């Protein structure tokens, strides 16, 4: 797993919230 994946998920989560 790469950190970029986590960052992408976090960004998506923030946009969804």
C-alpha atoms as a PDB file:
ATOM      1  CA  UNK A   1       0.000   0.000   0.000  1.00  0.00           C
ATOM      2  CA  UNK A   2       1.274   3.451  -0.860  1.00  0.00           C
ATOM      3  CA  UNK A   3       0.778   6.656   1.071  1.00  0.00           C
ATOM      4  CA  UNK A   4      -0.625   8.317  -2.048  1.00  0.00           C
ATOM      5  CA  UNK A   5      -3.573   5.934  -1.859  1.00  0.00           C
ATOM      6  CA  UNK A   6      -4.307   6.990   1.705  1.00  0.00           C
ATOM      7  CA  UNK A   7      -3.992  10.660   0.818  1.00  0.00           C
ATOM      8  CA  UNK A   8      -6.380  10.162  -2.097  1.00  0.00           C
ATOM      9  CA  UNK A   9      -8.897   8.427   0.182  1.00  0.00           C
ATOM     10  CA  UNK A  10      -8.597  11.167   2.791  1.00  0.00           C
ATOM     11  CA  UNK A  11      -9.190  13.847   0.151  1.00  0.00           C
ATOM     12  CA  UNK A  12     -12.246  12.001  -1.129  1.00  0.00           C
ATOM     13  CA  UNK A  13     -13.580  11.667   2.399  1.00  0.00           C
ATOM     14  CA  UNK A  14     -13.163  15.364   3.046  1.00  0.00           C
ATOM     15  CA  UNK A  15     -15.018  16.193  -0.181  1.00  0.00           C
ATOM     16  CA  UNK A  16     -17.832  13.823   0.739  1.00  0.00           C
ATOM     17  CA  UNK A  17     -18.255  15.305   4.206  1.00  0.00           C
END
